[in-house]
N, C-alpha and C. Protein backbone atom coordinates (compact mmCIF):
# COMPACT_ATOMS: atom_id res chain seq x y z
N MET A 1 -129.27 -24.39 52.48
CA MET A 1 -128.31 -25.46 52.24
C MET A 1 -126.90 -24.89 52.36
N ILE A 2 -126.02 -25.74 52.84
CA ILE A 2 -124.62 -25.34 52.98
C ILE A 2 -123.76 -26.43 52.36
N ARG A 3 -122.73 -26.01 51.63
CA ARG A 3 -121.82 -26.95 51.00
C ARG A 3 -120.51 -26.96 51.77
N TYR A 4 -120.05 -28.15 52.09
CA TYR A 4 -118.77 -28.30 52.76
C TYR A 4 -117.81 -29.05 51.86
N ASP A 5 -116.55 -28.61 51.85
CA ASP A 5 -115.48 -29.43 51.29
C ASP A 5 -115.16 -30.44 52.37
N LEU A 6 -115.09 -31.71 52.00
CA LEU A 6 -114.85 -32.78 52.96
C LEU A 6 -113.61 -33.56 52.57
N VAL A 7 -113.02 -34.23 53.56
CA VAL A 7 -111.86 -35.07 53.31
C VAL A 7 -111.98 -36.30 54.21
N CYS A 8 -111.65 -37.47 53.65
CA CYS A 8 -111.72 -38.70 54.45
C CYS A 8 -110.36 -38.98 55.07
N ALA A 9 -110.32 -39.99 55.92
CA ALA A 9 -109.08 -40.36 56.61
C ALA A 9 -107.99 -40.79 55.63
N GLU A 10 -108.39 -41.19 54.42
CA GLU A 10 -107.42 -41.62 53.40
C GLU A 10 -106.95 -40.45 52.53
N GLY A 11 -107.50 -39.25 52.78
CA GLY A 11 -107.08 -38.06 52.04
C GLY A 11 -107.88 -37.76 50.79
N HIS A 12 -108.94 -38.52 50.52
CA HIS A 12 -109.78 -38.24 49.35
C HIS A 12 -110.64 -37.01 49.63
N GLU A 13 -110.65 -36.07 48.71
CA GLU A 13 -111.44 -34.85 48.88
C GLU A 13 -112.71 -34.92 48.05
N PHE A 14 -113.81 -34.45 48.61
CA PHE A 14 -115.10 -34.43 47.94
C PHE A 14 -115.94 -33.37 48.60
N ASP A 15 -117.14 -33.14 48.10
CA ASP A 15 -117.98 -32.14 48.74
C ASP A 15 -119.34 -32.73 49.07
N GLY A 16 -120.06 -32.05 49.94
CA GLY A 16 -121.38 -32.51 50.36
C GLY A 16 -122.26 -31.32 50.70
N TRP A 17 -123.54 -31.48 50.48
CA TRP A 17 -124.52 -30.43 50.78
C TRP A 17 -125.36 -30.87 51.96
N PHE A 18 -125.57 -29.95 52.90
CA PHE A 18 -126.31 -30.26 54.12
C PHE A 18 -127.26 -29.10 54.42
N ARG A 19 -128.34 -29.43 55.14
CA ARG A 19 -129.33 -28.41 55.49
C ARG A 19 -128.67 -27.32 56.34
N ASP A 20 -127.83 -27.73 57.29
CA ASP A 20 -127.12 -26.79 58.16
C ASP A 20 -125.96 -27.53 58.80
N SER A 21 -125.20 -26.84 59.62
CA SER A 21 -124.03 -27.44 60.27
C SER A 21 -124.43 -28.61 61.17
N ALA A 22 -125.53 -28.47 61.89
CA ALA A 22 -125.99 -29.54 62.77
C ALA A 22 -126.36 -30.79 61.97
N SER A 23 -126.93 -30.60 60.79
CA SER A 23 -127.29 -31.73 59.94
C SER A 23 -126.04 -32.51 59.53
N PHE A 24 -124.97 -31.79 59.18
CA PHE A 24 -123.71 -32.47 58.86
C PHE A 24 -123.24 -33.27 60.06
N ASP A 25 -123.23 -32.64 61.25
CA ASP A 25 -122.76 -33.32 62.46
C ASP A 25 -123.57 -34.58 62.75
N GLU A 26 -124.90 -34.50 62.60
CA GLU A 26 -125.76 -35.66 62.85
C GLU A 26 -125.48 -36.78 61.85
N GLN A 27 -125.39 -36.43 60.58
CA GLN A 27 -125.15 -37.45 59.55
C GLN A 27 -123.77 -38.07 59.71
N ARG A 28 -122.80 -37.26 60.07
CA ARG A 28 -121.45 -37.79 60.27
C ARG A 28 -121.43 -38.74 61.46
N ALA A 29 -122.09 -38.35 62.56
CA ALA A 29 -122.13 -39.21 63.75
C ALA A 29 -122.83 -40.53 63.45
N GLY A 30 -123.83 -40.50 62.58
CA GLY A 30 -124.55 -41.72 62.20
C GLY A 30 -123.89 -42.47 61.06
N GLU A 31 -122.69 -42.06 60.68
CA GLU A 31 -121.92 -42.67 59.60
C GLU A 31 -122.68 -42.68 58.27
N ALA A 32 -123.50 -41.65 58.06
CA ALA A 32 -124.23 -41.51 56.80
C ALA A 32 -123.41 -40.76 55.76
N VAL A 33 -122.34 -40.11 56.19
CA VAL A 33 -121.45 -39.42 55.26
C VAL A 33 -120.24 -40.32 55.05
N VAL A 34 -120.11 -40.84 53.82
CA VAL A 34 -119.00 -41.74 53.52
C VAL A 34 -118.25 -41.24 52.30
N CYS A 35 -116.99 -41.60 52.23
CA CYS A 35 -116.16 -41.23 51.09
C CYS A 35 -116.62 -42.01 49.86
N PRO A 36 -116.90 -41.34 48.76
CA PRO A 36 -117.34 -42.04 47.56
C PRO A 36 -116.21 -42.80 46.86
N VAL A 37 -114.97 -42.55 47.25
CA VAL A 37 -113.85 -43.24 46.63
C VAL A 37 -113.53 -44.53 47.36
N CYS A 38 -113.39 -44.46 48.70
CA CYS A 38 -112.97 -45.64 49.45
C CYS A 38 -114.03 -46.18 50.39
N GLY A 39 -115.12 -45.42 50.62
CA GLY A 39 -116.21 -45.92 51.44
C GLY A 39 -116.08 -45.72 52.93
N THR A 40 -115.00 -45.12 53.40
CA THR A 40 -114.85 -44.91 54.84
C THR A 40 -115.82 -43.84 55.34
N ALA A 41 -116.27 -44.02 56.59
CA ALA A 41 -117.14 -43.02 57.22
C ALA A 41 -116.33 -42.07 58.08
N ARG A 42 -115.01 -42.22 58.08
CA ARG A 42 -114.15 -41.30 58.84
C ARG A 42 -113.90 -40.07 57.97
N VAL A 43 -114.82 -39.12 58.10
CA VAL A 43 -114.85 -37.93 57.24
C VAL A 43 -114.87 -36.67 58.10
N ASP A 44 -114.12 -35.67 57.69
CA ASP A 44 -114.10 -34.38 58.37
C ASP A 44 -114.26 -33.26 57.35
N LYS A 45 -114.60 -32.08 57.85
CA LYS A 45 -114.64 -30.90 56.99
C LYS A 45 -113.21 -30.54 56.63
N ALA A 46 -113.01 -30.17 55.39
CA ALA A 46 -111.69 -29.72 54.94
C ALA A 46 -111.63 -28.21 55.07
N LEU A 47 -110.43 -27.69 55.09
CA LEU A 47 -110.25 -26.24 55.11
C LEU A 47 -110.79 -25.68 53.81
N MET A 48 -111.66 -24.70 53.91
CA MET A 48 -112.28 -24.12 52.71
C MET A 48 -111.82 -22.68 52.55
N ALA A 49 -111.49 -22.33 51.31
CA ALA A 49 -111.17 -20.94 51.01
C ALA A 49 -112.46 -20.25 50.60
N PRO A 50 -112.70 -19.06 51.10
CA PRO A 50 -113.95 -18.37 50.75
C PRO A 50 -113.90 -17.86 49.31
N GLY A 51 -115.09 -17.78 48.69
CA GLY A 51 -115.19 -17.14 47.39
C GLY A 51 -115.13 -15.64 47.61
N ILE A 52 -114.29 -14.94 46.89
CA ILE A 52 -114.12 -13.51 47.08
C ILE A 52 -114.77 -12.80 45.90
N ALA A 53 -115.65 -11.85 46.18
CA ALA A 53 -116.35 -11.14 45.11
C ALA A 53 -115.38 -10.24 44.38
N LYS A 54 -115.49 -10.24 43.04
CA LYS A 54 -114.71 -9.30 42.26
C LYS A 54 -115.64 -8.23 41.75
N GLY A 55 -115.14 -7.31 40.98
CA GLY A 55 -115.88 -6.14 40.54
C GLY A 55 -117.35 -6.33 40.19
N GLY A 56 -117.70 -7.30 39.37
CA GLY A 56 -119.08 -7.46 38.90
C GLY A 56 -119.95 -8.25 39.85
N GLY A 57 -119.49 -8.48 41.06
CA GLY A 57 -120.28 -9.23 42.02
C GLY A 57 -120.15 -10.74 41.84
N GLU A 58 -119.29 -11.18 40.93
CA GLU A 58 -119.09 -12.61 40.72
C GLU A 58 -118.00 -13.10 41.67
N PRO A 59 -118.22 -14.22 42.35
CA PRO A 59 -117.18 -14.73 43.23
C PRO A 59 -116.00 -15.28 42.44
N VAL A 60 -114.84 -15.14 43.00
CA VAL A 60 -113.63 -15.70 42.42
C VAL A 60 -113.45 -17.07 43.05
N PRO A 61 -113.42 -18.15 42.26
CA PRO A 61 -113.28 -19.47 42.86
C PRO A 61 -111.92 -19.65 43.51
N ALA A 62 -111.91 -20.39 44.62
CA ALA A 62 -110.66 -20.71 45.30
C ALA A 62 -109.97 -21.80 44.50
N GLU A 63 -108.81 -21.51 43.95
CA GLU A 63 -108.13 -22.48 43.10
C GLU A 63 -106.78 -22.87 43.68
N SER A 64 -106.57 -22.59 44.95
CA SER A 64 -105.33 -23.00 45.57
C SER A 64 -105.66 -23.76 46.84
N GLY A 65 -104.62 -24.31 47.45
CA GLY A 65 -104.85 -25.06 48.67
C GLY A 65 -104.91 -26.55 48.39
N PRO A 66 -105.15 -27.34 49.44
CA PRO A 66 -105.16 -28.79 49.29
C PRO A 66 -106.20 -29.23 48.28
N GLY A 67 -105.79 -30.12 47.39
CA GLY A 67 -106.72 -30.70 46.44
C GLY A 67 -107.07 -29.83 45.26
N ALA A 68 -106.43 -28.66 45.12
CA ALA A 68 -106.74 -27.80 43.99
C ALA A 68 -106.46 -28.56 42.70
N GLY A 69 -107.39 -28.51 41.78
CA GLY A 69 -107.22 -29.17 40.51
C GLY A 69 -107.56 -30.65 40.52
N GLN A 70 -107.88 -31.22 41.68
CA GLN A 70 -108.26 -32.62 41.75
C GLN A 70 -109.77 -32.73 41.64
N PRO A 71 -110.27 -33.87 41.13
CA PRO A 71 -111.72 -34.02 41.03
C PRO A 71 -112.38 -34.03 42.39
N LYS A 72 -113.58 -33.47 42.46
CA LYS A 72 -114.38 -33.48 43.68
C LYS A 72 -115.43 -34.56 43.55
N TYR A 73 -115.79 -35.14 44.66
CA TYR A 73 -116.79 -36.19 44.68
C TYR A 73 -117.90 -35.78 45.62
N VAL A 74 -119.05 -36.39 45.47
CA VAL A 74 -120.22 -36.04 46.26
C VAL A 74 -120.33 -36.95 47.47
N ALA A 75 -120.60 -36.36 48.64
CA ALA A 75 -120.74 -37.13 49.86
C ALA A 75 -121.99 -37.98 49.81
N GLY A 76 -122.00 -39.06 50.57
CA GLY A 76 -123.18 -39.88 50.71
C GLY A 76 -123.16 -41.11 49.82
N ALA A 77 -122.17 -41.26 48.97
CA ALA A 77 -122.11 -42.44 48.13
C ALA A 77 -121.71 -43.65 48.96
N THR A 78 -122.24 -44.79 48.61
CA THR A 78 -121.92 -46.02 49.33
C THR A 78 -120.64 -46.62 48.78
N PRO A 79 -120.05 -47.59 49.49
CA PRO A 79 -118.87 -48.26 48.93
C PRO A 79 -119.16 -48.90 47.57
N ASP A 80 -120.38 -49.43 47.39
CA ASP A 80 -120.74 -50.00 46.09
C ASP A 80 -120.74 -48.93 45.01
N ALA A 81 -121.24 -47.75 45.34
CA ALA A 81 -121.24 -46.64 44.38
C ALA A 81 -119.81 -46.22 44.07
N ALA A 82 -118.95 -46.22 45.08
CA ALA A 82 -117.55 -45.87 44.86
C ALA A 82 -116.90 -46.88 43.92
N ARG A 83 -117.20 -48.16 44.10
CA ARG A 83 -116.65 -49.21 43.23
C ARG A 83 -117.17 -49.04 41.80
N LEU A 84 -118.46 -48.73 41.68
CA LEU A 84 -119.05 -48.52 40.36
C LEU A 84 -118.38 -47.34 39.65
N LEU A 85 -118.14 -46.27 40.39
CA LEU A 85 -117.47 -45.10 39.83
C LEU A 85 -116.06 -45.47 39.38
N GLU A 86 -115.37 -46.27 40.18
CA GLU A 86 -114.02 -46.73 39.83
C GLU A 86 -114.06 -47.54 38.53
N LEU A 87 -115.04 -48.44 38.40
CA LEU A 87 -115.17 -49.25 37.19
C LEU A 87 -115.52 -48.38 35.97
N ALA A 88 -116.37 -47.38 36.17
CA ALA A 88 -116.73 -46.47 35.07
C ALA A 88 -115.50 -45.72 34.58
N ARG A 89 -114.68 -45.27 35.52
CA ARG A 89 -113.44 -44.56 35.14
C ARG A 89 -112.51 -45.49 34.36
N GLU A 90 -112.39 -46.74 34.80
CA GLU A 90 -111.52 -47.70 34.13
C GLU A 90 -112.03 -48.00 32.72
N LEU A 91 -113.35 -48.18 32.58
CA LEU A 91 -113.93 -48.41 31.26
C LEU A 91 -113.61 -47.24 30.33
N ARG A 92 -113.85 -46.06 30.82
CA ARG A 92 -113.61 -44.87 30.02
C ARG A 92 -112.13 -44.75 29.65
N ARG A 93 -111.24 -45.02 30.60
CA ARG A 93 -109.80 -44.95 30.33
C ARG A 93 -109.42 -45.94 29.23
N GLN A 94 -109.94 -47.17 29.32
CA GLN A 94 -109.61 -48.18 28.31
C GLN A 94 -110.10 -47.78 26.93
N VAL A 95 -111.31 -47.25 26.85
CA VAL A 95 -111.85 -46.82 25.56
C VAL A 95 -111.01 -45.68 25.01
N GLU A 96 -110.71 -44.69 25.84
CA GLU A 96 -109.99 -43.52 25.37
C GLU A 96 -108.55 -43.83 24.98
N THR A 97 -107.93 -44.84 25.60
CA THR A 97 -106.55 -45.17 25.23
C THR A 97 -106.48 -46.18 24.08
N GLY A 98 -107.57 -46.93 23.84
CA GLY A 98 -107.52 -47.96 22.81
C GLY A 98 -108.34 -47.66 21.57
N ALA A 99 -108.90 -46.47 21.49
CA ALA A 99 -109.75 -46.15 20.34
C ALA A 99 -109.45 -44.73 19.86
N GLU A 100 -109.88 -44.47 18.65
CA GLU A 100 -109.68 -43.15 18.04
C GLU A 100 -110.87 -42.24 18.35
N ASN A 101 -110.60 -41.04 18.82
CA ASN A 101 -111.65 -40.06 19.08
C ASN A 101 -111.99 -39.37 17.76
N VAL A 102 -113.19 -39.64 17.25
CA VAL A 102 -113.61 -39.02 15.99
C VAL A 102 -114.55 -37.85 16.22
N GLY A 103 -114.75 -37.49 17.49
CA GLY A 103 -115.54 -36.31 17.83
C GLY A 103 -116.97 -36.38 17.34
N ASP A 104 -117.43 -35.26 16.78
CA ASP A 104 -118.83 -35.20 16.35
C ASP A 104 -119.08 -35.93 15.02
N ARG A 105 -118.05 -36.54 14.46
CA ARG A 105 -118.21 -37.35 13.25
C ARG A 105 -118.53 -38.80 13.59
N PHE A 106 -118.82 -39.09 14.87
CA PHE A 106 -118.97 -40.47 15.32
C PHE A 106 -119.99 -41.26 14.51
N ALA A 107 -121.20 -40.75 14.35
CA ALA A 107 -122.25 -41.50 13.65
C ALA A 107 -121.84 -41.81 12.21
N ASP A 108 -121.32 -40.81 11.51
CA ASP A 108 -120.90 -41.02 10.12
C ASP A 108 -119.75 -42.02 10.04
N GLU A 109 -118.79 -41.90 10.93
CA GLU A 109 -117.63 -42.80 10.90
C GLU A 109 -118.04 -44.22 11.28
N ALA A 110 -118.95 -44.38 12.24
CA ALA A 110 -119.43 -45.71 12.62
C ALA A 110 -120.12 -46.38 11.43
N ARG A 111 -120.90 -45.61 10.68
CA ARG A 111 -121.56 -46.16 9.48
C ARG A 111 -120.53 -46.57 8.43
N ARG A 112 -119.55 -45.71 8.21
CA ARG A 112 -118.51 -46.02 7.20
C ARG A 112 -117.78 -47.31 7.56
N ILE A 113 -117.47 -47.49 8.84
CA ILE A 113 -116.79 -48.71 9.28
C ILE A 113 -117.73 -49.91 9.11
N HIS A 114 -118.97 -49.76 9.53
CA HIS A 114 -119.94 -50.85 9.46
C HIS A 114 -120.16 -51.32 8.02
N TYR A 115 -120.26 -50.38 7.11
CA TYR A 115 -120.50 -50.72 5.71
C TYR A 115 -119.20 -50.92 4.92
N GLU A 116 -118.09 -51.08 5.63
CA GLU A 116 -116.76 -51.37 5.07
C GLU A 116 -116.30 -50.31 4.07
N GLU A 117 -116.68 -49.07 4.34
CA GLU A 117 -116.22 -47.96 3.51
C GLU A 117 -114.99 -47.29 4.14
N ALA A 118 -114.66 -47.73 5.35
CA ALA A 118 -113.49 -47.20 6.06
C ALA A 118 -112.84 -48.36 6.81
N GLU A 119 -111.59 -48.16 7.15
CA GLU A 119 -110.82 -49.17 7.88
C GLU A 119 -111.51 -49.54 9.20
N ALA A 120 -111.59 -50.84 9.48
CA ALA A 120 -112.18 -51.30 10.74
C ALA A 120 -111.25 -50.93 11.89
N ARG A 121 -111.80 -50.25 12.88
CA ARG A 121 -111.02 -49.84 14.04
C ARG A 121 -111.98 -49.43 15.15
N SER A 122 -111.46 -49.33 16.35
CA SER A 122 -112.26 -48.87 17.48
C SER A 122 -112.30 -47.35 17.47
N ILE A 123 -113.51 -46.82 17.64
CA ILE A 123 -113.67 -45.37 17.67
C ILE A 123 -114.57 -44.98 18.84
N TYR A 124 -114.47 -43.73 19.22
CA TYR A 124 -115.43 -43.13 20.15
C TYR A 124 -115.58 -41.68 19.77
N GLY A 125 -116.66 -41.08 20.24
CA GLY A 125 -116.92 -39.69 19.91
C GLY A 125 -118.27 -39.27 20.44
N GLU A 126 -118.87 -38.30 19.77
CA GLU A 126 -120.14 -37.74 20.23
C GLU A 126 -121.23 -38.02 19.21
N ALA A 127 -122.41 -38.36 19.72
CA ALA A 127 -123.58 -38.58 18.86
C ALA A 127 -124.81 -38.08 19.60
N THR A 128 -125.76 -37.58 18.85
CA THR A 128 -127.02 -37.18 19.47
C THR A 128 -127.81 -38.45 19.80
N PRO A 129 -128.78 -38.35 20.70
CA PRO A 129 -129.62 -39.52 20.98
C PRO A 129 -130.30 -40.05 19.71
N GLU A 130 -130.69 -39.15 18.82
CA GLU A 130 -131.33 -39.55 17.56
C GLU A 130 -130.35 -40.34 16.69
N ASP A 131 -129.10 -39.87 16.60
CA ASP A 131 -128.09 -40.59 15.82
C ASP A 131 -127.83 -41.97 16.41
N ALA A 132 -127.74 -42.06 17.73
CA ALA A 132 -127.50 -43.35 18.38
C ALA A 132 -128.64 -44.32 18.09
N ARG A 133 -129.89 -43.82 18.17
CA ARG A 133 -131.06 -44.66 17.86
C ARG A 133 -130.99 -45.16 16.41
N ALA A 134 -130.67 -44.25 15.50
CA ALA A 134 -130.60 -44.62 14.08
C ALA A 134 -129.50 -45.66 13.85
N LEU A 135 -128.37 -45.52 14.52
CA LEU A 135 -127.31 -46.51 14.39
C LEU A 135 -127.79 -47.88 14.86
N HIS A 136 -128.47 -47.92 15.99
CA HIS A 136 -129.00 -49.19 16.50
C HIS A 136 -129.99 -49.80 15.50
N GLU A 137 -130.85 -48.97 14.92
CA GLU A 137 -131.83 -49.45 13.94
C GLU A 137 -131.16 -50.03 12.70
N GLU A 138 -129.96 -49.53 12.39
CA GLU A 138 -129.20 -50.05 11.24
C GLU A 138 -128.38 -51.28 11.62
N GLY A 139 -128.45 -51.68 12.88
CA GLY A 139 -127.70 -52.86 13.31
C GLY A 139 -126.27 -52.54 13.72
N ILE A 140 -125.98 -51.29 13.94
CA ILE A 140 -124.64 -50.86 14.35
C ILE A 140 -124.65 -50.70 15.87
N GLU A 141 -123.87 -51.53 16.54
CA GLU A 141 -123.88 -51.50 18.01
C GLU A 141 -123.00 -50.37 18.53
N VAL A 142 -123.61 -49.52 19.32
CA VAL A 142 -122.91 -48.43 19.99
C VAL A 142 -123.41 -48.37 21.42
N PHE A 143 -122.61 -47.80 22.28
CA PHE A 143 -123.06 -47.59 23.66
C PHE A 143 -122.44 -46.31 24.18
N PRO A 144 -123.15 -45.64 25.09
CA PRO A 144 -122.62 -44.38 25.63
C PRO A 144 -121.52 -44.64 26.64
N LEU A 145 -120.53 -43.80 26.63
CA LEU A 145 -119.51 -43.84 27.68
C LEU A 145 -120.10 -43.23 28.94
N PRO A 146 -119.70 -43.72 30.10
CA PRO A 146 -120.25 -43.15 31.34
C PRO A 146 -119.84 -41.70 31.52
N VAL A 147 -120.77 -40.90 32.01
CA VAL A 147 -120.49 -39.51 32.36
C VAL A 147 -119.96 -39.52 33.78
N LEU A 148 -118.80 -38.96 33.99
CA LEU A 148 -118.16 -38.97 35.30
C LEU A 148 -118.38 -37.64 36.01
N PRO A 149 -118.32 -37.63 37.34
CA PRO A 149 -118.54 -36.38 38.08
C PRO A 149 -117.63 -35.25 37.61
N GLU A 150 -116.39 -35.56 37.31
CA GLU A 150 -115.46 -34.51 36.90
C GLU A 150 -115.79 -33.94 35.52
N ASP A 151 -116.61 -34.63 34.72
CA ASP A 151 -117.03 -34.11 33.42
C ASP A 151 -117.95 -32.91 33.56
N LYS A 152 -118.59 -32.79 34.71
CA LYS A 152 -119.59 -31.74 34.91
C LYS A 152 -118.98 -30.46 35.47
N ASN A 153 -117.69 -30.43 35.67
CA ASN A 153 -117.03 -29.25 36.23
C ASN A 153 -116.48 -28.38 35.14
């Protein structure tokens, strides 16, 4: 497998994995490689900086050049997937700007608010799947925030 940094005609940068160079060329010619942000099939390989090995044999990531520090997206997403990703980002932005981040105290704080032991307000934070299940069983409505591609970097 080979990973390419890609860029669409609109300047959105993302990456894609292909069996080999010919596979990328075939998929691109068949318009199977599309920008996950805007949906265009006008995609080219971007200039890639090589990983340079340092003393312990670990590569040094390329952190300069076009798009450095910007989120990367995965090739092959459809325009519908790009729209869904856009909506997920907007939902997350609204929650994060309109609610208090209580971190790993989320389950306890949600209970305190529900049982009127704390001021009613919008909160978000972290909960284990078990805590989320228990909250639902107590009648406390919670939902997970979408995990975005940039969260995994």
